[in-house]
């Protein structure tokens, strides 16, 4: 399971499960001290473990 910051690279690497939250480099979980968003990202990333995804398929979210 991966939380990606670069969609193009993630699509080339094809991890079994990947979440692309759309945040900038260095901030995979969002802004510092924004616990609500960070928890949401973490829960959605862990939720990928229950999804039947093809290798290389990336779940794209916007926060």
PDB file of N, CA and C in Angstrom:
ATOM      1  N   UNK A   1       0.853  -1.160   0.000  1.00  0.00           N
ATOM      2  CA  UNK A   1       0.000   0.000   0.000  1.00  0.00           C
ATOM      3  C   UNK A   1       0.900   1.224   0.000  1.00  0.00           C
ATOM      4  N   UNK A   2       0.532   2.179  -0.835  1.00  0.00           N
ATOM      5  CA  UNK A   2       1.360   3.366  -1.002  1.00  0.00           C
ATOM      6  C   UNK A   2       0.498   4.621  -0.976  1.00  0.00           C
ATOM      7  N   UNK A   3       1.033   5.674  -0.370  1.00  0.00           N
ATOM      8  CA  UNK A   3       0.441   7.000  -0.485  1.00  0.00           C
ATOM      9  C   UNK A   3       1.382   7.771  -1.396  1.00  0.00           C
ATOM     10  N   UNK A   4       0.901   8.099  -2.570  1.00  0.00           N
ATOM     11  CA  UNK A   4       1.745   8.660  -3.620  1.00  0.00           C
ATOM     12  C   UNK A   4       1.675  10.181  -3.677  1.00  0.00           C
ATOM     13  N   UNK A   5       2.809  10.773  -4.005  1.00  0.00           N
ATOM     14  CA  UNK A   5       2.862  12.215  -4.232  1.00  0.00           C
ATOM     15  C   UNK A   5       3.170  12.545  -5.685  1.00  0.00           C
ATOM     16  N   UNK A   6       3.477  11.521  -6.478  1.00  0.00           N
ATOM     17  CA  UNK A   6       3.779  11.725  -7.893  1.00  0.00           C
ATOM     18  C   UNK A   6       3.010  10.679  -8.693  1.00  0.00           C
ATOM     19  N   UNK A   7       1.933  11.097  -9.301  1.00  0.00           N
ATOM     20  CA  UNK A   7       1.038  10.181 -10.000  1.00  0.00           C
ATOM     21  C   UNK A   7       1.726   9.471 -11.161  1.00  0.00           C
ATOM     22  N   UNK A   8       2.528  10.186 -11.928  1.00  0.00           N
ATOM     23  CA  UNK A   8       3.194   9.589 -13.091  1.00  0.00           C
ATOM     24  C   UNK A   8       4.139   8.465 -12.675  1.00  0.00           C
ATOM     25  N   UNK A   9       4.923   8.685 -11.644  1.00  0.00           N
ATOM     26  CA  UNK A   9       5.856   7.652 -11.176  1.00  0.00           C
ATOM     27  C   UNK A   9       5.092   6.468 -10.608  1.00  0.00           C
ATOM     28  N   UNK A  10       4.056   6.733  -9.848  1.00  0.00           N
ATOM     29  CA  UNK A  10       3.268   5.651  -9.256  1.00  0.00           C
ATOM     30  C   UNK A  10       2.667   4.769 -10.341  1.00  0.00           C
ATOM     31  N   UNK A  11       2.179   5.361 -11.411  1.00  0.00           N
ATOM     32  CA  UNK A  11       1.607   4.569 -12.504  1.00  0.00           C
ATOM     33  C   UNK A  11       2.663   3.704 -13.187  1.00  0.00           C
ATOM     34  N   UNK A  12       3.913   4.169 -13.233  1.00  0.00           N
ATOM     35  CA  UNK A  12       4.992   3.377 -13.831  1.00  0.00           C
ATOM     36  C   UNK A  12       5.428   2.241 -12.915  1.00  0.00           C
ATOM     37  N   UNK A  13       5.468   2.501 -11.605  1.00  0.00           N
ATOM     38  CA  UNK A  13       5.922   1.505 -10.631  1.00  0.00           C
ATOM     39  C   UNK A  13       4.875   0.407 -10.431  1.00  0.00           C
ATOM     40  N   UNK A  14       3.604   0.755 -10.527  1.00  0.00           N
ATOM     41  CA  UNK A  14       2.471  -0.158 -10.381  1.00  0.00           C
ATOM     42  C   UNK A  14       2.450  -0.895  -9.041  1.00  0.00           C
ATOM     43  N   UNK A  15       2.390  -0.166  -7.928  1.00  0.00           N
ATOM     44  CA  UNK A  15       2.262  -0.856  -6.642  1.00  0.00           C
ATOM     45  C   UNK A  15       0.906  -1.561  -6.577  1.00  0.00           C
ATOM     46  N   UNK A  16       0.769  -2.583  -5.726  1.00  0.00           N
ATOM     47  CA  UNK A  16      -0.499  -3.307  -5.645  1.00  0.00           C
ATOM     48  C   UNK A  16      -1.680  -2.418  -5.256  1.00  0.00           C
ATOM     49  N   UNK A  17      -1.427  -1.442  -4.406  1.00  0.00           N
ATOM     50  CA  UNK A  17      -2.476  -0.520  -3.960  1.00  0.00           C
ATOM     51  C   UNK A  17      -1.846   0.853  -3.761  1.00  0.00           C
ATOM     52  N   UNK A  18      -2.474   1.886  -4.307  1.00  0.00           N
ATOM     53  CA  UNK A  18      -1.910   3.228  -4.158  1.00  0.00           C
ATOM     54  C   UNK A  18      -3.019   4.265  -4.045  1.00  0.00           C
ATOM     55  N   UNK A  19      -2.791   5.214  -3.159  1.00  0.00           N
ATOM     56  CA  UNK A  19      -3.685   6.356  -2.983  1.00  0.00           C
ATOM     57  C   UNK A  19      -2.910   7.606  -3.373  1.00  0.00           C
ATOM     58  N   UNK A  20      -3.508   8.418  -4.230  1.00  0.00           N
ATOM     59  CA  UNK A  20      -2.920   9.698  -4.605  1.00  0.00           C
ATOM     60  C   UNK A  20      -3.807  10.795  -4.039  1.00  0.00           C
ATOM     61  N   UNK A  21      -3.371  11.435  -2.923  1.00  0.00           N
ATOM     62  CA  UNK A  21      -4.209  12.450  -2.294  1.00  0.00           C
ATOM     63  C   UNK A  21      -4.066  13.847  -2.902  1.00  0.00           C
ATOM     64  N   UNK A  22      -3.105  14.033  -3.804  1.00  0.00           N
ATOM     65  CA  UNK A  22      -2.954  15.320  -4.473  1.00  0.00           C
ATOM     66  C   UNK A  22      -2.218  16.382  -3.678  1.00  0.00           C
ATOM     67  N   UNK A  23      -1.550  15.983  -2.604  1.00  0.00           N
ATOM     68  CA  UNK A  23      -0.785  16.952  -1.817  1.00  0.00           C
ATOM     69  C   UNK A  23       0.588  17.168  -2.437  1.00  0.00           C
ATOM     70  N   UNK A  24       1.255  18.246  -2.059  1.00  0.00           N
ATOM     71  CA  UNK A  24       2.573  18.562  -2.605  1.00  0.00           C
ATOM     72  C   UNK A  24       3.650  17.668  -1.991  1.00  0.00           C
ATOM     73  N   UNK A  25       4.786  17.608  -2.668  1.00  0.00           N
ATOM     74  CA  UNK A  25       5.909  16.804  -2.182  1.00  0.00           C
ATOM     75  C   UNK A  25       6.270  17.187  -0.752  1.00  0.00           C
ATOM     76  N   UNK A  26       6.516  16.187   0.054  1.00  0.00           N
ATOM     77  CA  UNK A  26       6.877  16.418   1.445  1.00  0.00           C
ATOM     78  C   UNK A  26       5.694  16.436   2.391  1.00  0.00           C
ATOM     79  N   UNK A  27       4.488  16.372   1.828  1.00  0.00           N
ATOM     80  CA  UNK A  27       3.279  16.435   2.659  1.00  0.00           C
ATOM     81  C   UNK A  27       2.290  15.334   2.261  1.00  0.00           C
ATOM     82  N   UNK A  28       2.675  14.056   2.402  1.00  0.00           N
ATOM     83  CA  UNK A  28       1.809  12.972   1.935  1.00  0.00           C
ATOM     84  C   UNK A  28       0.479  12.872   2.672  1.00  0.00           C
ATOM     85  N   UNK A  29       0.415  13.428   3.871  1.00  0.00           N
ATOM     86  CA  UNK A  29      -0.810  13.348   4.668  1.00  0.00           C
ATOM     87  C   UNK A  29      -1.501  14.705   4.795  1.00  0.00           C
ATOM     88  N   UNK A  30      -1.024  15.698   4.067  1.00  0.00           N
ATOM     89  CA  UNK A  30      -1.633  17.025   4.139  1.00  0.00           C
ATOM     90  C   UNK A  30      -0.832  17.976   5.013  1.00  0.00           C
ATOM     91  N   UNK A  31      -1.484  19.054   5.423  1.00  0.00           N
ATOM     92  CA  UNK A  31      -0.808  20.093   6.208  1.00  0.00           C
ATOM     93  C   UNK A  31      -0.450  19.613   7.618  1.00  0.00           C
ATOM     94  N   UNK A  32       0.605  20.173   8.157  1.00  0.00           N
ATOM     95  CA  UNK A  32       1.000  19.893   9.541  1.00  0.00           C
ATOM     96  C   UNK A  32      -0.126  20.279  10.486  1.00  0.00           C
ATOM     97  N   UNK A  33      -0.336  19.465  11.475  1.00  0.00           N
ATOM     98  CA  UNK A  33      -1.302  19.717  12.550  1.00  0.00           C
ATOM     99  C   UNK A  33      -2.759  19.674  12.100  1.00  0.00           C
ATOM    100  N   UNK A  34      -3.028  19.231  10.863  1.00  0.00           N
ATOM    101  CA  UNK A  34      -4.413  19.089  10.400  1.00  0.00           C
ATOM    102  C   UNK A  34      -4.833  17.637  10.637  1.00  0.00           C
ATOM    103  N   UNK A  35      -5.097  17.335  11.909  1.00  0.00           N
ATOM    104  CA  UNK A  35      -5.361  15.953  12.312  1.00  0.00           C
ATOM    105  C   UNK A  35      -6.560  15.341  11.598  1.00  0.00           C
ATOM    106  N   UNK A  36      -7.588  16.122  11.347  1.00  0.00           N
ATOM    107  CA  UNK A  36      -8.788  15.577  10.711  1.00  0.00           C
ATOM    108  C   UNK A  36      -8.499  15.067   9.301  1.00  0.00           C
ATOM    109  N   UNK A  37      -7.806  15.866   8.511  1.00  0.00           N
ATOM    110  CA  UNK A  37      -7.457  15.444   7.147  1.00  0.00           C
ATOM    111  C   UNK A  37      -6.463  14.291   7.187  1.00  0.00           C
ATOM    112  N   UNK A  38      -5.466  14.363   8.065  1.00  0.00           N
ATOM    113  CA  UNK A  38      -4.471  13.306   8.158  1.00  0.00           C
ATOM    114  C   UNK A  38      -5.127  11.977   8.509  1.00  0.00           C
ATOM    115  N   UNK A  39      -6.062  11.993   9.425  1.00  0.00           N
ATOM    116  CA  UNK A  39      -6.772  10.777   9.809  1.00  0.00           C
ATOM    117  C   UNK A  39      -7.622  10.265   8.648  1.00  0.00           C
ATOM    118  N   UNK A  40      -8.249  11.159   7.924  1.00  0.00           N
ATOM    119  CA  UNK A  40      -9.057  10.762   6.771  1.00  0.00           C
ATOM    120  C   UNK A  40      -8.188  10.099   5.699  1.00  0.00           C
ATOM    121  N   UNK A  41      -7.031  10.691   5.412  1.00  0.00           N
ATOM    122  CA  UNK A  41      -6.114  10.115   4.425  1.00  0.00           C
ATOM    123  C   UNK A  41      -5.661   8.734   4.884  1.00  0.00           C
ATOM    124  N   UNK A  42      -5.283   8.607   6.136  1.00  0.00           N
ATOM    125  CA  UNK A  42      -4.820   7.326   6.662  1.00  0.00           C
ATOM    126  C   UNK A  42      -5.913   6.270   6.580  1.00  0.00           C
ATOM    127  N   UNK A  43      -7.126   6.623   6.969  1.00  0.00           N
ATOM    128  CA  UNK A  43      -8.236   5.661   6.910  1.00  0.00           C
ATOM    129  C   UNK A  43      -8.529   5.234   5.472  1.00  0.00           C
ATOM    130  N   UNK A  44      -8.502   6.184   4.552  1.00  0.00           N
ATOM    131  CA  UNK A  44      -8.761   5.832   3.157  1.00  0.00           C
ATOM    132  C   UNK A  44      -7.630   4.988   2.583  1.00  0.00           C
ATOM    133  N   UNK A  45      -6.397   5.274   2.973  1.00  0.00           N
ATOM    134  CA  UNK A  45      -5.270   4.460   2.512  1.00  0.00           C
ATOM    135  C   UNK A  45      -5.398   3.034   3.046  1.00  0.00           C
ATOM    136  N   UNK A  46      -5.718   2.891   4.313  1.00  0.00           N
ATOM    137  CA  UNK A  46      -5.897   1.552   4.877  1.00  0.00           C
ATOM    138  C   UNK A  46      -7.106   0.849   4.265  1.00  0.00           C
ATOM    139  N   UNK A  47      -8.104   1.619   3.876  1.00  0.00           N
ATOM    140  CA  UNK A  47      -9.274   1.052   3.219  1.00  0.00           C
ATOM    141  C   UNK A  47      -8.953   0.398   1.883  1.00  0.00           C
ATOM    142  N   UNK A  48      -7.837   0.788   1.274  1.00  0.00           N
ATOM    143  CA  UNK A  48      -7.423   0.159   0.017  1.00  0.00           C
ATOM    144  C   UNK A  48      -7.162  -1.328   0.204  1.00  0.00           C
ATOM    145  N   UNK A  49      -6.806  -1.725   1.422  1.00  0.00           N
ATOM    146  CA  UNK A  49      -6.523  -3.133   1.689  1.00  0.00           C
ATOM    147  C   UNK A  49      -7.761  -3.999   1.505  1.00  0.00           C
ATOM    148  N   UNK A  50      -8.932  -3.412   1.616  1.00  0.00           N
ATOM    149  CA  UNK A  50     -10.180  -4.157   1.456  1.00  0.00           C
ATOM    150  C   UNK A  50     -10.726  -4.081   0.030  1.00  0.00           C
ATOM    151  N   UNK A  51     -10.091  -3.290  -0.819  1.00  0.00           N
ATOM    152  CA  UNK A  51     -10.571  -3.115  -2.192  1.00  0.00           C
ATOM    153  C   UNK A  51      -9.884  -4.099  -3.131  1.00  0.00           C
ATOM    154  N   UNK A  52     -10.602  -4.531  -4.141  1.00  0.00           N
ATOM    155  CA  UNK A  52     -10.053  -5.430  -5.156  1.00  0.00           C
ATOM    156  C   UNK A  52      -9.509  -4.578  -6.301  1.00  0.00           C
ATOM    157  N   UNK A  53      -8.243  -4.204  -6.198  1.00  0.00           N
ATOM    158  CA  UNK A  53      -7.614  -3.328  -7.190  1.00  0.00           C
ATOM    159  C   UNK A  53      -6.639  -4.119  -8.053  1.00  0.00           C
ATOM    160  N   UNK A  54      -6.526  -3.709  -9.292  1.00  0.00           N
ATOM    161  CA  UNK A  54      -5.524  -4.277 -10.184  1.00  0.00           C
ATOM    162  C   UNK A  54      -4.177  -3.617  -9.889  1.00  0.00           C
ATOM    163  N   UNK A  55      -3.057  -4.358 -10.020  1.00  0.00           N
ATOM    164  CA  UNK A  55      -1.751  -3.725  -9.836  1.00  0.00           C
ATOM    165  C   UNK A  55      -1.604  -2.520 -10.764  1.00  0.00           C
ATOM    166  N   UNK A  56      -1.174  -1.419 -10.210  1.00  0.00           N
ATOM    167  CA  UNK A  56      -1.003  -0.196 -10.983  1.00  0.00           C
ATOM    168  C   UNK A  56      -2.199   0.731 -10.945  1.00  0.00           C
ATOM    169  N   UNK A  57      -3.330   0.228 -10.456  1.00  0.00           N
ATOM    170  CA  UNK A  57      -4.512   1.086 -10.332  1.00  0.00           C
ATOM    171  C   UNK A  57      -4.302   2.036  -9.159  1.00  0.00           C
ATOM    172  N   UNK A  58      -4.560   3.312  -9.387  1.00  0.00           N
ATOM    173  CA  UNK A  58      -4.338   4.332  -8.368  1.00  0.00           C
ATOM    174  C   UNK A  58      -5.676   4.972  -8.018  1.00  0.00           C
ATOM    175  N   UNK A  59      -5.973   5.024  -6.730  1.00  0.00           N
ATOM    176  CA  UNK A  59      -7.178   5.697  -6.256  1.00  0.00           C
ATOM    177  C   UNK A  59      -6.817   7.166  -6.060  1.00  0.00           C
ATOM    178  N   UNK A  60      -7.513   8.036  -6.754  1.00  0.00           N
ATOM    179  CA  UNK A  60      -7.230   9.471  -6.705  1.00  0.00           C
ATOM    180  C   UNK A  60      -8.301  10.152  -5.866  1.00  0.00           C
ATOM    181  N   UNK A  61      -7.849  10.877  -4.853  1.00  0.00           N
ATOM    182  CA  UNK A  61      -8.755  11.608  -3.965  1.00  0.00           C
ATOM    183  C   UNK A  61      -8.350  13.074  -3.936  1.00  0.00           C
ATOM    184  N   UNK A  62      -9.284  13.902  -3.587  1.00  0.00           N
ATOM    185  CA  UNK A  62      -9.015  15.324  -3.444  1.00  0.00           C
ATOM    186  C   UNK A  62      -9.522  15.763  -2.077  1.00  0.00           C
ATOM    187  N   UNK A  63      -8.685  16.464  -1.346  1.00  0.00           N
ATOM    188  CA  UNK A  63      -9.045  16.882   0.016  1.00  0.00           C
ATOM    189  C   UNK A  63      -9.082  18.381   0.121  1.00  0.00           C
TER     190      UNK A  63
END
